[in-house]
């Protein structure tokens, strides 16, 4: 496989160190990263790519949305309800009206815990409550029957308890460790192709798309904002456009995470909840 990003032993992110993750939390992370409760059961029938946005800085929709529309692509937006309408580190986050627009455009809305807190600092009951609060927020926004099927761990930090709870509640859960997803990949810690400035320079996208097509693998692109600010956790619009164009030119089907999971479920006859 082509180089995606430097792989390392499971460790909380740099931001996690600033949050003073306990030794117990670090141990839980190491265990959770290595123990899979569910795995993808089949090789995809073709190469797939999913575009995902975490937290949803407003630019991910206001700037990223039109790019997706022009390319005829739908994405997965993982949101934390408590971030709605706020400004974090000088960046405006999504607004309530953006949720309606994202949903109406056919994109997937996934869960990212209500308060965007690392699961390494939460007890099981607190994680369960965070999931419930986000479920309630999304139902209030999108209707009582709405139920998010996809989940992403805030900061990519997963505890054993969080992984167990995610496996019981969501069809899939995504982390931030780099790589492609194939048969027997951990379904509750799906890997990513980072598109933000802090990581994307390490990626040979042309080679990645060739790998996805040849191996019939599933790549999940991860970005936060979509802008030219130079922010570490933003993807420039030109990069997003190039990723989409390169994948489409390489014959890679671009679908939300939910849709890929449903296709895999159909291949093994398990219905929509793989």
Protein backbone atom coordinates (compact mmCIF):
# COMPACT_ATOMS: atom_id res chain seq x y z
CA UNK A 1 0.00 0.00 0.00
CA UNK A 2 1.16 3.51 -0.74
CA UNK A 3 2.22 5.67 2.17
CA UNK A 4 -0.79 7.37 3.72
CA UNK A 5 0.64 8.85 6.89
CA UNK A 6 3.10 7.84 9.53
CA UNK A 7 1.65 4.90 11.44
CA UNK A 8 2.45 4.83 15.12
CA UNK A 9 1.70 2.81 18.18
CA UNK A 10 -1.72 3.71 19.59
CA UNK A 11 -1.39 6.94 21.56
CA UNK A 12 -3.83 9.75 22.28
CA UNK A 13 -3.38 12.79 20.05
CA UNK A 14 -1.25 15.81 20.86
CA UNK A 15 -4.41 17.63 21.91
CA UNK A 16 -5.08 14.77 24.30
CA UNK A 17 -1.78 15.35 26.05
CA UNK A 18 -2.85 18.91 26.67
CA UNK A 19 -6.05 17.55 28.22
CA UNK A 20 -3.99 15.42 30.63
CA UNK A 21 -5.29 11.97 29.76
CA UNK A 22 -4.74 9.66 32.72
CA UNK A 23 -2.59 6.55 32.62
CA UNK A 24 -5.77 4.48 32.84
CA UNK A 25 -7.15 6.35 29.83
CA UNK A 26 -4.00 5.73 27.81
CA UNK A 27 -4.13 2.04 28.67
CA UNK A 28 -7.79 1.85 27.68
CA UNK A 29 -6.94 3.53 24.36
CA UNK A 30 -4.15 1.04 23.67
CA UNK A 31 -6.45 -1.91 24.36
CA UNK A 32 -9.38 -0.53 22.40
CA UNK A 33 -7.15 0.15 19.39
CA UNK A 34 -6.08 -3.48 19.26
CA UNK A 35 -9.26 -5.41 20.18
CA UNK A 36 -12.02 -5.63 17.56
CA UNK A 37 -15.54 -6.58 18.59
CA UNK A 38 -16.88 -6.44 15.02
CA UNK A 39 -15.11 -6.62 11.67
CA UNK A 40 -16.09 -5.86 8.10
CA UNK A 41 -17.15 -9.32 6.87
CA UNK A 42 -16.67 -9.01 3.12
CA UNK A 43 -14.34 -7.56 0.53
CA UNK A 44 -16.16 -4.62 -1.11
CA UNK A 45 -17.39 -5.38 -4.61
CA UNK A 46 -15.48 -2.33 -5.87
CA UNK A 47 -13.40 0.57 -4.62
CA UNK A 48 -15.24 3.05 -2.43
CA UNK A 49 -14.45 6.47 -1.04
CA UNK A 50 -16.35 8.36 1.66
CA UNK A 51 -15.87 12.06 2.38
CA UNK A 52 -16.33 12.91 6.07
CA UNK A 53 -16.23 16.13 8.06
CA UNK A 54 -15.81 16.23 11.84
CA UNK A 55 -17.24 18.88 14.20
CA UNK A 56 -18.53 20.81 11.19
CA UNK A 57 -16.83 24.18 11.16
CA UNK A 58 -19.27 26.19 9.09
CA UNK A 59 -16.91 26.28 6.11
CA UNK A 60 -17.28 22.50 5.77
CA UNK A 61 -20.81 23.18 4.58
CA UNK A 62 -20.73 26.73 3.21
CA UNK A 63 -17.56 26.12 1.17
CA UNK A 64 -17.47 22.33 1.00
CA UNK A 65 -21.14 21.83 0.18
CA UNK A 66 -21.05 23.57 -3.23
CA UNK A 67 -17.95 21.58 -4.20
CA UNK A 68 -19.72 18.34 -3.33
CA UNK A 69 -22.79 19.46 -5.28
CA UNK A 70 -20.79 20.31 -8.41
CA UNK A 71 -19.19 16.86 -8.29
CA UNK A 72 -22.50 15.10 -7.62
CA UNK A 73 -21.20 13.70 -4.33
CA UNK A 74 -22.81 13.20 -0.92
CA UNK A 75 -20.73 13.17 2.27
CA UNK A 76 -20.98 12.28 5.96
CA UNK A 77 -21.01 15.12 8.50
CA UNK A 78 -20.29 14.09 12.11
CA UNK A 79 -21.64 16.74 14.46
CA UNK A 80 -21.56 17.52 18.17
CA UNK A 81 -24.75 19.24 19.26
CA UNK A 82 -23.06 21.52 21.79
CA UNK A 83 -20.92 23.14 19.07
CA UNK A 84 -23.96 24.44 17.17
CA UNK A 85 -23.75 28.20 16.64
CA UNK A 86 -20.46 28.61 18.54
CA UNK A 87 -17.11 30.02 17.51
CA UNK A 88 -14.17 27.77 18.43
CA UNK A 89 -10.58 29.01 18.09
CA UNK A 90 -11.82 31.83 15.88
CA UNK A 91 -13.77 29.53 13.56
CA UNK A 92 -17.53 29.68 13.23
CA UNK A 93 -19.19 26.31 13.71
CA UNK A 94 -22.30 25.10 11.92
CA UNK A 95 -25.65 26.75 12.57
CA UNK A 96 -29.03 25.17 13.17
CA UNK A 97 -30.14 26.15 9.65
CA UNK A 98 -27.10 24.37 8.20
CA UNK A 99 -28.34 21.05 9.61
CA UNK A 100 -31.56 21.36 7.60
CA UNK A 101 -29.64 22.23 4.45
CA UNK A 102 -27.12 19.40 4.84
CA UNK A 103 -29.89 16.88 5.40
CA UNK A 104 -32.07 18.22 2.58
CA UNK A 105 -29.13 17.91 0.17
CA UNK A 106 -28.97 14.16 0.89
CA UNK A 107 -25.82 14.10 2.99
CA UNK A 108 -25.50 11.85 6.02
CA UNK A 109 -25.49 13.31 9.53
CA UNK A 110 -23.58 11.21 12.03
CA UNK A 111 -22.89 11.50 15.74
CA UNK A 112 -19.73 12.85 17.41
CA UNK A 113 -20.85 12.99 21.10
CA UNK A 114 -22.83 16.02 22.28
CA UNK A 115 -20.03 17.91 24.06
CA UNK A 116 -17.17 16.73 21.82
CA UNK A 117 -15.29 15.27 24.78
CA UNK A 118 -12.61 12.61 24.61
CA UNK A 119 -14.00 9.26 25.69
CA UNK A 120 -10.72 8.67 27.54
CA UNK A 121 -11.87 11.14 30.17
CA UNK A 122 -15.41 9.76 30.52
CA UNK A 123 -16.97 6.95 32.53
CA UNK A 124 -19.29 4.50 30.70
CA UNK A 125 -22.40 6.22 32.03
CA UNK A 126 -21.11 9.59 30.85
CA UNK A 127 -20.42 8.23 27.36
CA UNK A 128 -23.90 6.76 27.21
CA UNK A 129 -25.34 10.12 28.24
CA UNK A 130 -23.28 11.97 25.62
CA UNK A 131 -24.63 9.65 22.91
CA UNK A 132 -28.19 10.11 24.19
CA UNK A 133 -27.88 13.91 24.29
CA UNK A 134 -26.65 13.98 20.69
CA UNK A 135 -29.44 11.62 19.63
CA UNK A 136 -31.97 13.99 21.22
CA UNK A 137 -30.37 17.00 19.54
CA UNK A 138 -30.55 15.35 16.12
CA UNK A 139 -34.13 14.17 16.63
CA UNK A 140 -35.18 17.68 17.63
CA UNK A 141 -33.53 19.04 14.50
CA UNK A 142 -34.57 16.38 11.99
CA UNK A 143 -37.64 14.70 13.42
CA UNK A 144 -38.49 12.10 16.05
CA UNK A 145 -37.75 9.17 13.73
CA UNK A 146 -34.21 10.25 12.87
CA UNK A 147 -31.48 7.95 14.16
CA UNK A 148 -27.83 8.49 13.28
CA UNK A 149 -26.22 5.26 12.11
CA UNK A 150 -22.59 6.39 11.92
CA UNK A 151 -20.32 7.55 14.73
CA UNK A 152 -16.88 9.15 15.01
CA UNK A 153 -14.89 9.32 18.26
CA UNK A 154 -13.99 12.92 19.19
CA UNK A 155 -10.25 13.44 18.60
CA UNK A 156 -10.18 9.81 17.39
CA UNK A 157 -9.69 8.75 21.01
CA UNK A 158 -11.47 5.53 21.87
CA UNK A 159 -11.75 3.84 25.24
CA UNK A 160 -12.79 0.23 25.67
CA UNK A 161 -16.13 1.35 27.13
CA UNK A 162 -16.74 3.74 24.23
CA UNK A 163 -16.01 1.03 21.69
CA UNK A 164 -18.41 -1.40 23.36
CA UNK A 165 -21.16 1.22 23.51
CA UNK A 166 -20.56 2.29 19.90
CA UNK A 167 -20.74 -1.32 18.73
CA UNK A 168 -24.15 -1.67 20.38
CA UNK A 169 -25.59 1.61 19.12
CA UNK A 170 -24.10 2.42 15.70
CA UNK A 171 -23.62 0.58 12.43
CA UNK A 172 -20.02 1.81 12.30
CA UNK A 173 -17.57 3.94 14.25
CA UNK A 174 -14.63 5.87 12.79
CA UNK A 175 -11.34 6.86 14.36
CA UNK A 176 -8.42 8.87 12.97
CA UNK A 177 -5.74 6.22 12.44
CA UNK A 178 -4.54 6.24 8.82
CA UNK A 179 -5.18 3.46 6.33
CA UNK A 180 -7.69 1.81 4.05
CA UNK A 181 -10.61 -0.37 5.14
CA UNK A 182 -10.94 -3.91 3.79
CA UNK A 183 -12.28 -7.29 4.80
CA UNK A 184 -11.70 -7.90 8.54
CA UNK A 185 -10.99 -4.21 9.22
CA UNK A 186 -12.24 -3.18 12.67
CA UNK A 187 -15.76 -1.93 12.01
CA UNK A 188 -15.75 0.08 15.23
CA UNK A 189 -12.46 1.85 14.48
CA UNK A 190 -12.55 2.54 10.75
CA UNK A 191 -9.40 4.09 9.32
CA UNK A 192 -9.07 7.38 7.47
CA UNK A 193 -7.25 9.31 4.76
CA UNK A 194 -6.56 12.69 6.42
CA UNK A 195 -7.16 15.69 4.16
CA UNK A 196 -6.46 18.52 6.61
CA UNK A 197 -3.32 20.62 6.22
CA UNK A 198 -1.55 19.08 9.19
CA UNK A 199 -1.47 15.62 7.56
CA UNK A 200 -2.41 15.75 3.89
CA UNK A 201 1.03 16.69 2.56
CA UNK A 202 2.13 13.14 3.35
CA UNK A 203 -0.43 11.54 1.04
CA UNK A 204 0.09 10.54 -2.59
CA UNK A 205 -3.56 10.72 -3.59
CA UNK A 206 -3.05 9.30 -7.09
CA UNK A 207 -1.39 6.20 -5.66
CA UNK A 208 -4.09 5.90 -3.02
CA UNK A 209 -6.87 5.86 -5.61
CA UNK A 210 -4.98 3.22 -7.56
CA UNK A 211 -4.72 1.12 -4.39
CA UNK A 212 -8.42 1.54 -3.65
CA UNK A 213 -9.40 0.40 -7.14
CA UNK A 214 -6.93 -2.48 -7.33
CA UNK A 215 -7.59 -3.81 -3.84
CA UNK A 216 -11.33 -3.06 -3.83
CA UNK A 217 -10.79 -1.17 -0.62
CA UNK A 218 -12.74 1.57 1.15
CA UNK A 219 -11.05 4.89 1.81
CA UNK A 220 -12.58 7.41 4.22
CA UNK A 221 -11.36 10.97 3.77
CA UNK A 222 -11.35 13.04 6.97
CA UNK A 223 -11.44 16.84 7.02
CA UNK A 224 -12.74 19.54 9.33
CA UNK A 225 -13.04 22.99 7.76
CA UNK A 226 -12.89 23.69 4.01
CA UNK A 227 -11.09 26.98 3.47
CA UNK A 228 -7.80 28.65 2.51
CA UNK A 229 -7.06 29.92 6.02
CA UNK A 230 -4.04 27.66 6.41
CA UNK A 231 -5.51 26.31 9.65
CA UNK A 232 -3.99 22.95 10.62
CA UNK A 233 -7.43 21.37 10.64
CA UNK A 234 -8.75 22.73 7.35
CA UNK A 235 -8.72 21.31 3.86
CA UNK A 236 -8.25 23.91 1.07
CA UNK A 237 -11.12 23.88 -1.46
CA UNK A 238 -8.71 23.07 -4.28
CA UNK A 239 -7.52 19.97 -2.43
CA UNK A 240 -11.07 18.73 -1.86
CA UNK A 241 -11.88 19.29 -5.53
CA UNK A 242 -8.72 17.42 -6.58
CA UNK A 243 -9.54 14.50 -4.30
CA UNK A 244 -13.04 14.19 -5.72
CA UNK A 245 -11.86 14.55 -9.32
CA UNK A 246 -9.05 12.04 -8.82
CA UNK A 247 -11.34 9.45 -7.26
CA UNK A 248 -13.95 9.81 -9.98
CA UNK A 249 -11.32 9.62 -12.73
CA UNK A 250 -10.01 6.45 -11.11
CA UNK A 251 -13.44 4.80 -11.12
CA UNK A 252 -13.84 4.95 -7.35
CA UNK A 253 -17.46 5.21 -6.19
CA UNK A 254 -17.94 8.06 -3.69
CA UNK A 255 -20.68 7.45 -1.10
CA UNK A 256 -21.48 8.43 2.49
CA UNK A 257 -20.31 6.02 5.20
CA UNK A 258 -23.90 4.89 5.78
CA UNK A 259 -24.34 3.92 2.13
CA UNK A 260 -21.13 1.89 1.95
CA UNK A 261 -22.13 0.02 5.11
CA UNK A 262 -25.53 -0.73 3.59
CA UNK A 263 -23.94 -2.08 0.42
CA UNK A 264 -21.67 -4.32 2.45
CA UNK A 265 -24.66 -5.49 4.46
CA UNK A 266 -26.52 -6.34 1.27
CA UNK A 267 -23.62 -8.45 0.06
CA UNK A 268 -23.86 -10.73 3.08
CA UNK A 269 -27.65 -10.61 3.40
CA UNK A 270 -27.73 -8.93 6.80
CA UNK A 271 -30.07 -6.04 5.98
CA UNK A 272 -29.25 -2.44 6.70
CA UNK A 273 -27.64 -3.06 10.09
CA UNK A 274 -24.45 -4.88 9.08
